[in-house]
């Protein structure tokens, strides 16, 4: 059987089982199940998936460049905003200072 088809069928089977079991579990118990999934199962799956990634040291330059760029933008916005905005607009300064490094619109 094709690998993609097999994975798709497994996923559909899991979704179907989840829908069937959802009707068997009481509403108040569902909240507990959601908490367990979000706090235990999901981080564990993400951790196991990250363990399978092969890291190359040459690829570390990109996250480091992004962090350096954000730090430069933060410092530049801090000094630029001190000269352009008045002292009474501190909350506006802090908001702009956090938005500029993230390049948010």
PDB file of N, CA and C in Angstrom:
ATOM      1  N   UNK A   1       0.853  -1.183   0.000  1.00  0.00           N
ATOM      2  CA  UNK A   1       0.000   0.000   0.000  1.00  0.00           C
ATOM      3  C   UNK A   1       0.899   1.245   0.000  1.00  0.00           C
ATOM      4  N   UNK A   2       0.462   2.259  -0.670  1.00  0.00           N
ATOM      5  CA  UNK A   2       1.193   3.507  -0.759  1.00  0.00           C
ATOM      6  C   UNK A   2       1.355   4.125   0.639  1.00  0.00           C
ATOM      7  N   UNK A   3       2.531   4.670   0.907  1.00  0.00           N
ATOM      8  CA  UNK A   3       2.831   5.234   2.224  1.00  0.00           C
ATOM      9  C   UNK A   3       1.899   6.392   2.572  1.00  0.00           C
ATOM     10  N   UNK A   4       1.646   7.285   1.619  1.00  0.00           N
ATOM     11  CA  UNK A   4       0.773   8.434   1.863  1.00  0.00           C
ATOM     12  C   UNK A   4      -0.661   7.984   2.119  1.00  0.00           C
ATOM     13  N   UNK A   5      -1.115   6.995   1.364  1.00  0.00           N
ATOM     14  CA  UNK A   5      -2.471   6.473   1.553  1.00  0.00           C
ATOM     15  C   UNK A   5      -2.604   5.796   2.910  1.00  0.00           C
ATOM     16  N   UNK A   6      -1.579   5.066   3.310  1.00  0.00           N
ATOM     17  CA  UNK A   6      -1.600   4.399   4.614  1.00  0.00           C
ATOM     18  C   UNK A   6      -1.659   5.420   5.746  1.00  0.00           C
ATOM     19  N   UNK A   7      -0.871   6.478   5.668  1.00  0.00           N
ATOM     20  CA  UNK A   7      -0.897   7.518   6.701  1.00  0.00           C
ATOM     21  C   UNK A   7      -2.237   8.238   6.733  1.00  0.00           C
ATOM     22  N   UNK A   8      -2.819   8.473   5.562  1.00  0.00           N
ATOM     23  CA  UNK A   8      -4.118   9.126   5.498  1.00  0.00           C
ATOM     24  C   UNK A   8      -5.196   8.270   6.134  1.00  0.00           C
ATOM     25  N   UNK A   9      -5.181   6.983   5.831  1.00  0.00           N
ATOM     26  CA  UNK A   9      -6.172   6.076   6.424  1.00  0.00           C
ATOM     27  C   UNK A   9      -6.007   5.973   7.942  1.00  0.00           C
ATOM     28  N   UNK A  10      -4.772   5.943   8.412  1.00  0.00           N
ATOM     29  CA  UNK A  10      -4.535   5.909   9.858  1.00  0.00           C
ATOM     30  C   UNK A  10      -5.075   7.164  10.522  1.00  0.00           C
ATOM     31  N   UNK A  11      -4.841   8.309   9.904  1.00  0.00           N
ATOM     32  CA  UNK A  11      -5.331   9.568  10.454  1.00  0.00           C
ATOM     33  C   UNK A  11      -6.855   9.601  10.482  1.00  0.00           C
ATOM     34  N   UNK A  12      -7.489   9.145   9.408  1.00  0.00           N
ATOM     35  CA  UNK A  12      -8.955   9.095   9.375  1.00  0.00           C
ATOM     36  C   UNK A  12      -9.504   8.136  10.421  1.00  0.00           C
ATOM     37  N   UNK A  13      -8.825   7.025  10.648  1.00  0.00           N
ATOM     38  CA  UNK A  13      -9.240   6.072  11.681  1.00  0.00           C
ATOM     39  C   UNK A  13      -9.146   6.694  13.068  1.00  0.00           C
ATOM     40  N   UNK A  14      -8.077   7.421  13.318  1.00  0.00           N
ATOM     41  CA  UNK A  14      -7.916   8.081  14.622  1.00  0.00           C
ATOM     42  C   UNK A  14      -8.992   9.149  14.820  1.00  0.00           C
ATOM     43  N   UNK A  15      -9.290   9.906  13.772  1.00  0.00           N
ATOM     44  CA  UNK A  15     -10.336  10.933  13.874  1.00  0.00           C
ATOM     45  C   UNK A  15     -11.684  10.275  14.135  1.00  0.00           C
ATOM     46  N   UNK A  16     -11.974   9.182  13.436  1.00  0.00           N
ATOM     47  CA  UNK A  16     -13.230   8.466  13.648  1.00  0.00           C
ATOM     48  C   UNK A  16     -13.342   7.915  15.060  1.00  0.00           C
ATOM     49  N   UNK A  17     -12.265   7.335  15.567  1.00  0.00           N
ATOM     50  CA  UNK A  17     -12.277   6.836  16.954  1.00  0.00           C
ATOM     51  C   UNK A  17     -12.476   7.979  17.939  1.00  0.00           C
ATOM     52  N   UNK A  18     -11.869   9.100  17.662  1.00  0.00           N
ATOM     53  CA  UNK A  18     -12.034  10.258  18.534  1.00  0.00           C
ATOM     54  C   UNK A  18     -13.472  10.739  18.568  1.00  0.00           C
ATOM     55  N   UNK A  19     -14.113  10.766  17.416  1.00  0.00           N
ATOM     56  CA  UNK A  19     -15.518  11.176  17.370  1.00  0.00           C
ATOM     57  C   UNK A  19     -16.422  10.183  18.100  1.00  0.00           C
ATOM     58  N   UNK A  20     -16.144   8.888  17.949  1.00  0.00           N
ATOM     59  CA  UNK A  20     -16.944   7.880  18.660  1.00  0.00           C
ATOM     60  C   UNK A  20     -16.744   7.969  20.171  1.00  0.00           C
ATOM     61  N   UNK A  21     -15.511   8.136  20.581  1.00  0.00           N
ATOM     62  CA  UNK A  21     -15.237   8.206  22.021  1.00  0.00           C
ATOM     63  C   UNK A  21     -15.731   9.504  22.636  1.00  0.00           C
ATOM     64  N   UNK A  22     -15.829  10.555  21.838  1.00  0.00           N
ATOM     65  CA  UNK A  22     -16.314  11.835  22.345  1.00  0.00           C
ATOM     66  C   UNK A  22     -17.756  11.708  22.829  1.00  0.00           C
ATOM     67  N   UNK A  23     -18.553  10.895  22.156  1.00  0.00           N
ATOM     68  CA  UNK A  23     -19.946  10.710  22.565  1.00  0.00           C
ATOM     69  C   UNK A  23     -20.046   9.871  23.827  1.00  0.00           C
ATOM     70  N   UNK A  24     -19.066   9.039  24.101  1.00  0.00           N
ATOM     71  CA  UNK A  24     -19.092   8.168  25.277  1.00  0.00           C
ATOM     72  C   UNK A  24     -18.642   8.883  26.553  1.00  0.00           C
ATOM     73  N   UNK A  25     -17.895   9.967  26.410  1.00  0.00           N
ATOM     74  CA  UNK A  25     -17.340  10.675  27.559  1.00  0.00           C
ATOM     75  C   UNK A  25     -18.262  11.840  27.925  1.00  0.00           C
ATOM     76  N   UNK A  26     -18.472  12.045  29.228  1.00  0.00           N
ATOM     77  CA  UNK A  26     -19.331  13.134  29.690  1.00  0.00           C
ATOM     78  C   UNK A  26     -18.684  14.483  29.387  1.00  0.00           C
ATOM     79  N   UNK A  27     -19.517  15.534  29.345  1.00  0.00           N
ATOM     80  CA  UNK A  27     -19.036  16.876  29.002  1.00  0.00           C
ATOM     81  C   UNK A  27     -17.983  17.375  29.987  1.00  0.00           C
ATOM     82  N   UNK A  28     -18.198  17.155  31.308  1.00  0.00           N
ATOM     83  CA  UNK A  28     -17.228  17.660  32.278  1.00  0.00           C
ATOM     84  C   UNK A  28     -15.905  16.890  32.208  1.00  0.00           C
ATOM     85  N   UNK A  29     -15.961  15.623  31.789  1.00  0.00           N
ATOM     86  CA  UNK A  29     -14.730  14.855  31.644  1.00  0.00           C
ATOM     87  C   UNK A  29     -13.954  15.263  30.396  1.00  0.00           C
ATOM     88  N   UNK A  30     -14.657  15.791  29.410  1.00  0.00           N
ATOM     89  CA  UNK A  30     -13.989  16.230  28.184  1.00  0.00           C
ATOM     90  C   UNK A  30     -13.004  17.357  28.448  1.00  0.00           C
ATOM     91  N   UNK A  31     -13.344  18.241  29.393  1.00  0.00           N
ATOM     92  CA  UNK A  31     -12.431  19.338  29.729  1.00  0.00           C
ATOM     93  C   UNK A  31     -11.136  18.790  30.301  1.00  0.00           C
ATOM     94  N   UNK A  32     -11.236  17.769  31.129  1.00  0.00           N
ATOM     95  CA  UNK A  32     -10.036  17.148  31.687  1.00  0.00           C
ATOM     96  C   UNK A  32      -9.189  16.484  30.625  1.00  0.00           C
ATOM     97  N   UNK A  33      -9.850  15.846  29.669  1.00  0.00           N
ATOM     98  CA  UNK A  33      -9.125  15.206  28.571  1.00  0.00           C
ATOM     99  C   UNK A  33      -8.407  16.258  27.732  1.00  0.00           C
ATOM    100  N   UNK A  34      -9.068  17.378  27.466  1.00  0.00           N
ATOM    101  CA  UNK A  34      -8.443  18.449  26.683  1.00  0.00           C
ATOM    102  C   UNK A  34      -7.215  18.992  27.408  1.00  0.00           C
ATOM    103  N   UNK A  35      -7.322  19.150  28.732  1.00  0.00           N
ATOM    104  CA  UNK A  35      -6.186  19.655  29.506  1.00  0.00           C
ATOM    105  C   UNK A  35      -5.023  18.674  29.436  1.00  0.00           C
ATOM    106  N   UNK A  36      -5.308  17.392  29.538  1.00  0.00           N
ATOM    107  CA  UNK A  36      -4.239  16.383  29.463  1.00  0.00           C
ATOM    108  C   UNK A  36      -3.593  16.404  28.085  1.00  0.00           C
ATOM    109  N   UNK A  37      -4.405  16.499  27.046  1.00  0.00           N
ATOM    110  CA  UNK A  37      -3.848  16.511  25.696  1.00  0.00           C
ATOM    111  C   UNK A  37      -2.972  17.734  25.487  1.00  0.00           C
ATOM    112  N   UNK A  38      -3.464  18.911  25.906  1.00  0.00           N
ATOM    113  CA  UNK A  38      -2.707  20.143  25.660  1.00  0.00           C
ATOM    114  C   UNK A  38      -1.484  20.278  26.549  1.00  0.00           C
ATOM    115  N   UNK A  39      -1.523  19.732  27.751  1.00  0.00           N
ATOM    116  CA  UNK A  39      -0.402  19.937  28.665  1.00  0.00           C
ATOM    117  C   UNK A  39       0.606  18.789  28.654  1.00  0.00           C
ATOM    118  N   UNK A  40       0.196  17.594  28.226  1.00  0.00           N
ATOM    119  CA  UNK A  40       1.117  16.456  28.271  1.00  0.00           C
ATOM    120  C   UNK A  40       1.375  15.882  26.881  1.00  0.00           C
ATOM    121  N   UNK A  41       0.326  15.485  26.202  1.00  0.00           N
ATOM    122  CA  UNK A  41       0.495  14.757  24.943  1.00  0.00           C
ATOM    123  C   UNK A  41       1.080  15.626  23.839  1.00  0.00           C
ATOM    124  N   UNK A  42       0.554  16.820  23.656  1.00  0.00           N
ATOM    125  CA  UNK A  42       1.043  17.684  22.580  1.00  0.00           C
ATOM    126  C   UNK A  42       2.509  18.076  22.764  1.00  0.00           C
ATOM    127  N   UNK A  43       2.936  18.530  23.952  1.00  0.00           N
ATOM    128  CA  UNK A  43       4.371  18.816  24.100  1.00  0.00           C
ATOM    129  C   UNK A  43       5.252  17.583  23.913  1.00  0.00           C
ATOM    130  N   UNK A  44       4.769  16.417  24.330  1.00  0.00           N
ATOM    131  CA  UNK A  44       5.560  15.200  24.145  1.00  0.00           C
ATOM    132  C   UNK A  44       5.717  14.868  22.671  1.00  0.00           C
ATOM    133  N   UNK A  45       4.658  15.009  21.891  1.00  0.00           N
ATOM    134  CA  UNK A  45       4.728  14.736  20.453  1.00  0.00           C
ATOM    135  C   UNK A  45       5.668  15.726  19.779  1.00  0.00           C
ATOM    136  N   UNK A  46       5.587  16.989  20.154  1.00  0.00           N
ATOM    137  CA  UNK A  46       6.478  17.999  19.570  1.00  0.00           C
ATOM    138  C   UNK A  46       7.926  17.696  19.927  1.00  0.00           C
ATOM    139  N   UNK A  47       8.174  17.306  21.168  1.00  0.00           N
ATOM    140  CA  UNK A  47       9.535  16.991  21.604  1.00  0.00           C
ATOM    141  C   UNK A  47      10.091  15.801  20.830  1.00  0.00           C
ATOM    142  N   UNK A  48       9.306  14.756  20.669  1.00  0.00           N
ATOM    143  CA  UNK A  48       9.766  13.578  19.936  1.00  0.00           C
ATOM    144  C   UNK A  48      10.018  13.928  18.468  1.00  0.00           C
ATOM    145  N   UNK A  49       9.165  14.767  17.892  1.00  0.00           N
ATOM    146  CA  UNK A  49       9.368  15.175  16.500  1.00  0.00           C
ATOM    147  C   UNK A  49      10.648  15.993  16.358  1.00  0.00           C
ATOM    148  N   UNK A  50      10.933  16.837  17.341  1.00  0.00           N
ATOM    149  CA  UNK A  50      12.157  17.642  17.274  1.00  0.00           C
ATOM    150  C   UNK A  50      13.413  16.798  17.451  1.00  0.00           C
ATOM    151  N   UNK A  51      13.302  15.677  18.162  1.00  0.00           N
ATOM    152  CA  UNK A  51      14.462  14.811  18.327  1.00  0.00           C
ATOM    153  C   UNK A  51      14.894  14.171  17.011  1.00  0.00           C
ATOM    154  N   UNK A  52      13.961  14.016  16.083  1.00  0.00           N
ATOM    155  CA  UNK A  52      14.268  13.375  14.803  1.00  0.00           C
ATOM    156  C   UNK A  52      14.939  14.319  13.815  1.00  0.00           C
ATOM    157  N   UNK A  53      14.981  15.607  14.130  1.00  0.00           N
ATOM    158  CA  UNK A  53      15.569  16.588  13.212  1.00  0.00           C
ATOM    159  C   UNK A  53      17.085  16.563  13.345  1.00  0.00           C
ATOM    160  N   UNK A  54      17.742  16.455  12.209  1.00  0.00           N
ATOM    161  CA  UNK A  54      19.202  16.518  12.201  1.00  0.00           C
ATOM    162  C   UNK A  54      19.628  17.971  12.061  1.00  0.00           C
ATOM    163  N   UNK A  55      20.413  18.452  13.023  1.00  0.00           N
ATOM    164  CA  UNK A  55      20.859  19.840  13.008  1.00  0.00           C
ATOM    165  C   UNK A  55      22.232  19.965  12.369  1.00  0.00           C
ATOM    166  N   UNK A  56      22.384  20.995  11.582  1.00  0.00           N
ATOM    167  CA  UNK A  56      23.660  21.317  10.978  1.00  0.00           C
ATOM    168  C   UNK A  56      24.127  22.639  11.578  1.00  0.00           C
ATOM    169  N   UNK A  57      25.355  22.691  12.010  1.00  0.00           N
ATOM    170  CA  UNK A  57      25.844  23.896  12.685  1.00  0.00           C
ATOM    171  C   UNK A  57      25.831  25.120  11.776  1.00  0.00           C
ATOM    172  N   UNK A  58      25.909  24.922  10.474  1.00  0.00           N
ATOM    173  CA  UNK A  58      25.895  26.067   9.568  1.00  0.00           C
ATOM    174  C   UNK A  58      24.514  26.725   9.510  1.00  0.00           C
ATOM    175  N   UNK A  59      23.470  26.018   9.903  1.00  0.00           N
ATOM    176  CA  UNK A  59      22.127  26.583   9.879  1.00  0.00           C
ATOM    177  C   UNK A  59      21.829  27.452  11.104  1.00  0.00           C
ATOM    178  N   UNK A  60      22.688  27.432  12.089  1.00  0.00           N
ATOM    179  CA  UNK A  60      22.471  28.245  13.291  1.00  0.00           C
ATOM    180  C   UNK A  60      22.663  29.732  13.038  1.00  0.00           C
ATOM    181  N   UNK A  61      23.293  30.086  11.943  1.00  0.00           N
ATOM    182  CA  UNK A  61      23.543  31.496  11.646  1.00  0.00           C
ATOM    183  C   UNK A  61      22.244  32.257  11.410  1.00  0.00           C
ATOM    184  N   UNK A  62      21.237  31.616  10.824  1.00  0.00           N
ATOM    185  CA  UNK A  62      19.984  32.316  10.512  1.00  0.00           C
ATOM    186  C   UNK A  62      19.197  32.728  11.759  1.00  0.00           C
ATOM    187  N   UNK A  63      18.998  31.852  12.735  1.00  0.00           N
ATOM    188  CA  UNK A  63      18.328  32.317  13.958  1.00  0.00           C
ATOM    189  C   UNK A  63      19.144  33.362  14.709  1.00  0.00           C
ATOM    190  N   UNK A  64      20.461  33.226  14.687  1.00  0.00           N
ATOM    191  CA  UNK A  64      21.305  34.219  15.364  1.00  0.00           C
ATOM    192  C   UNK A  64      21.212  35.577  14.681  1.00  0.00           C
ATOM    193  N   UNK A  65      21.179  35.582  13.351  1.00  0.00           N
ATOM    194  CA  UNK A  65      21.006  36.843  12.624  1.00  0.00           C
ATOM    195  C   UNK A  65      19.648  37.472  12.913  1.00  0.00           C
ATOM    196  N   UNK A  66      18.607  36.657  13.011  1.00  0.00           N
ATOM    197  CA  UNK A  66      17.272  37.177  13.320  1.00  0.00           C
ATOM    198  C   UNK A  66      17.236  37.776  14.718  1.00  0.00           C
ATOM    199  N   UNK A  67      17.861  37.109  15.690  1.00  0.00           N
ATOM    200  CA  UNK A  67      17.906  37.654  17.055  1.00  0.00           C
ATOM    201  C   UNK A  67      18.705  38.951  17.106  1.00  0.00           C
ATOM    202  N   UNK A  68      19.825  38.996  16.392  1.00  0.00           N
ATOM    203  CA  UNK A  68      20.629  40.224  16.368  1.00  0.00           C
ATOM    204  C   UNK A  68      19.850  41.366  15.722  1.00  0.00           C
ATOM    205  N   UNK A  69      19.127  41.075  14.643  1.00  0.00           N
ATOM    206  CA  UNK A  69      18.321  42.094  13.986  1.00  0.00           C
ATOM    207  C   UNK A  69      17.243  42.620  14.934  1.00  0.00           C
ATOM    208  N   UNK A  70      16.579  41.728  15.650  1.00  0.00           N
ATOM    209  CA  UNK A  70      15.550  42.159  16.598  1.00  0.00           C
ATOM    210  C   UNK A  70      16.142  43.011  17.715  1.00  0.00           C
ATOM    211  N   UNK A  71      17.311  42.649  18.192  1.00  0.00           N
ATOM    212  CA  UNK A  71      17.957  43.425  19.258  1.00  0.00           C
ATOM    213  C   UNK A  71      18.337  44.815  18.748  1.00  0.00           C
ATOM    214  N   UNK A  72      18.877  44.894  17.538  1.00  0.00           N
ATOM    215  CA  UNK A  72      19.240  46.195  16.965  1.00  0.00           C
ATOM    216  C   UNK A  72      17.991  47.050  16.767  1.00  0.00           C
ATOM    217  N   UNK A  73      16.917  46.445  16.261  1.00  0.00           N
ATOM    218  CA  UNK A  73      15.664  47.187  16.067  1.00  0.00           C
ATOM    219  C   UNK A  73      15.104  47.674  17.406  1.00  0.00           C
ATOM    220  N   UNK A  74      15.194  46.859  18.437  1.00  0.00           N
ATOM    221  CA  UNK A  74      14.696  47.254  19.756  1.00  0.00           C
ATOM    222  C   UNK A  74      15.484  48.440  20.302  1.00  0.00           C
ATOM    223  N   UNK A  75      16.799  48.360  20.221  1.00  0.00           N
ATOM    224  CA  UNK A  75      17.628  49.456  20.724  1.00  0.00           C
ATOM    225  C   UNK A  75      17.448  50.724  19.893  1.00  0.00           C
ATOM    226  N   UNK A  76      17.366  50.577  18.582  1.00  0.00           N
ATOM    227  CA  UNK A  76      17.181  51.745  17.724  1.00  0.00           C
ATOM    228  C   UNK A  76      15.830  52.404  17.984  1.00  0.00           C
ATOM    229  N   UNK A  77      14.798  51.600  18.155  1.00  0.00           N
ATOM    230  CA  UNK A  77      13.474  52.184  18.413  1.00  0.00           C
ATOM    231  C   UNK A  77      13.432  52.861  19.776  1.00  0.00           C
ATOM    232  N   UNK A  78      14.158  52.310  20.748  1.00  0.00           N
ATOM    233  CA  UNK A  78      14.180  52.929  22.077  1.00  0.00           C
ATOM    234  C   UNK A  78      14.770  54.337  21.996  1.00  0.00           C
ATOM    235  N   UNK A  79      15.903  54.485  21.336  1.00  0.00           N
ATOM    236  CA  UNK A  79      16.540  55.795  21.261  1.00  0.00           C
ATOM    237  C   UNK A  79      15.803  56.742  20.307  1.00  0.00           C
ATOM    238  N   UNK A  80      15.270  56.212  19.247  1.00  0.00           N
ATOM    239  CA  UNK A  80      14.535  57.033  18.303  1.00  0.00           C
ATOM    240  C   UNK A  80      13.241  57.554  18.916  1.00  0.00           C
ATOM    241  N   UNK A  81      12.551  56.717  19.663  1.00  0.00           N
ATOM    242  CA  UNK A  81      11.287  57.125  20.277  1.00  0.00           C
ATOM    243  C   UNK A  81      11.505  58.118  21.412  1.00  0.00           C
ATOM    244  N   UNK A  82      12.636  58.022  22.105  1.00  0.00           N
ATOM    245  CA  UNK A  82      12.929  58.997  23.163  1.00  0.00           C
ATOM    246  C   UNK A  82      13.087  60.404  22.593  1.00  0.00           C
ATOM    247  N   UNK A  83      13.577  60.487  21.372  1.00  0.00           N
ATOM    248  CA  UNK A  83      13.772  61.810  20.778  1.00  0.00           C
ATOM    249  C   UNK A  83      12.518  62.324  20.083  1.00  0.00           C
ATOM    250  N   UNK A  84      11.640  61.440  19.643  1.00  0.00           N
ATOM    251  CA  UNK A  84      10.486  61.894  18.860  1.00  0.00           C
ATOM    252  C   UNK A  84       9.206  62.043  19.680  1.00  0.00           C
ATOM    253  N   UNK A  85       8.994  61.214  20.690  1.00  0.00           N
ATOM    254  CA  UNK A  85       7.758  61.289  21.471  1.00  0.00           C
ATOM    255  C   UNK A  85       8.016  61.975  22.804  1.00  0.00           C
ATOM    256  N   UNK A  86       6.993  62.611  23.325  1.00  0.00           N
ATOM    257  CA  UNK A  86       7.146  63.323  24.594  1.00  0.00           C
ATOM    258  C   UNK A  86       7.153  62.335  25.763  1.00  0.00           C
ATOM    259  N   UNK A  87       7.500  62.849  26.942  1.00  0.00           N
ATOM    260  CA  UNK A  87       7.607  62.008  28.142  1.00  0.00           C
ATOM    261  C   UNK A  87       6.254  61.469  28.604  1.00  0.00           C
ATOM    262  N   UNK A  88       5.158  62.149  28.258  1.00  0.00           N
ATOM    263  CA  UNK A  88       3.832  61.739  28.713  1.00  0.00           C
ATOM    264  C   UNK A  88       3.305  60.520  27.971  1.00  0.00           C
ATOM    265  N   UNK A  89       3.896  60.182  26.853  1.00  0.00           N
ATOM    266  CA  UNK A  89       3.404  59.086  26.029  1.00  0.00           C
ATOM    267  C   UNK A  89       4.196  57.797  26.245  1.00  0.00           C
ATOM    268  N   UNK A  90       4.425  57.440  27.511  1.00  0.00           N
ATOM    269  CA  UNK A  90       5.230  56.264  27.829  1.00  0.00           C
ATOM    270  C   UNK A  90       4.584  54.967  27.351  1.00  0.00           C
ATOM    271  N   UNK A  91       3.274  54.847  27.505  1.00  0.00           N
ATOM    272  CA  UNK A  91       2.618  53.597  27.080  1.00  0.00           C
ATOM    273  C   UNK A  91       2.692  53.442  25.560  1.00  0.00           C
ATOM    274  N   UNK A  92       2.567  54.536  24.855  1.00  0.00           N
ATOM    275  CA  UNK A  92       2.682  54.489  23.393  1.00  0.00           C
ATOM    276  C   UNK A  92       4.108  54.110  22.987  1.00  0.00           C
ATOM    277  N   UNK A  93       5.105  54.641  23.698  1.00  0.00           N
ATOM    278  CA  UNK A  93       6.497  54.316  23.415  1.00  0.00           C
ATOM    279  C   UNK A  93       6.753  52.819  23.607  1.00  0.00           C
ATOM    280  N   UNK A  94       6.271  52.278  24.714  1.00  0.00           N
ATOM    281  CA  UNK A  94       6.492  50.861  24.990  1.00  0.00           C
ATOM    282  C   UNK A  94       5.819  49.976  23.947  1.00  0.00           C
ATOM    283  N   UNK A  95       4.621  50.363  23.535  1.00  0.00           N
ATOM    284  CA  UNK A  95       3.905  49.581  22.527  1.00  0.00           C
ATOM    285  C   UNK A  95       4.659  49.588  21.206  1.00  0.00           C
ATOM    286  N   UNK A  96       5.095  50.755  20.773  1.00  0.00           N
ATOM    287  CA  UNK A  96       5.828  50.859  19.508  1.00  0.00           C
ATOM    288  C   UNK A  96       7.166  50.137  19.602  1.00  0.00           C
ATOM    289  N   UNK A  97       7.788  50.204  20.781  1.00  0.00           N
ATOM    290  CA  UNK A  97       9.069  49.535  20.971  1.00  0.00           C
ATOM    291  C   UNK A  97       8.949  48.020  20.815  1.00  0.00           C
ATOM    292  N   UNK A  98       7.827  47.451  21.223  1.00  0.00           N
ATOM    293  CA  UNK A  98       7.632  46.015  21.081  1.00  0.00           C
ATOM    294  C   UNK A  98       7.166  45.631  19.665  1.00  0.00           C
ATOM    295  N   UNK A  99       6.477  46.537  18.999  1.00  0.00           N
ATOM    296  CA  UNK A  99       5.964  46.232  17.658  1.00  0.00           C
ATOM    297  C   UNK A  99       7.044  46.337  16.583  1.00  0.00           C
ATOM    298  N   UNK A 100       7.956  47.273  16.718  1.00  0.00           N
ATOM    299  CA  UNK A 100       8.953  47.490  15.662  1.00  0.00           C
ATOM    300  C   UNK A 100       9.884  46.296  15.449  1.00  0.00           C
ATOM    301  N   UNK A 101      10.468  45.694  16.474  1.00  0.00           N
ATOM    302  CA  UNK A 101      11.342  44.534  16.201  1.00  0.00           C
ATOM    303  C   UNK A 101      10.589  43.347  15.596  1.00  0.00           C
ATOM    304  N   UNK A 102       9.295  43.218  15.898  1.00  0.00           N
ATOM    305  CA  UNK A 102       8.547  42.097  15.338  1.00  0.00           C
ATOM    306  C   UNK A 102       8.109  42.370  13.908  1.00  0.00           C
ATOM    307  N   UNK A 103       8.340  43.578  13.429  1.00  0.00           N
ATOM    308  CA  UNK A 103       7.933  44.027  12.099  1.00  0.00           C
ATOM    309  C   UNK A 103       6.428  43.867  11.886  1.00  0.00           C
ATOM    310  N   UNK A 104       5.679  44.088  12.964  1.00  0.00           N
ATOM    311  CA  UNK A 104       4.219  44.014  12.884  1.00  0.00           C
ATOM    312  C   UNK A 104       3.682  45.224  12.131  1.00  0.00           C
ATOM    313  N   UNK A 105       2.604  45.044  11.375  1.00  0.00           N
ATOM    314  CA  UNK A 105       2.056  46.174  10.630  1.00  0.00           C
ATOM    315  C   UNK A 105       1.384  47.173  11.539  1.00  0.00           C
TER     316      UNK A 105
END
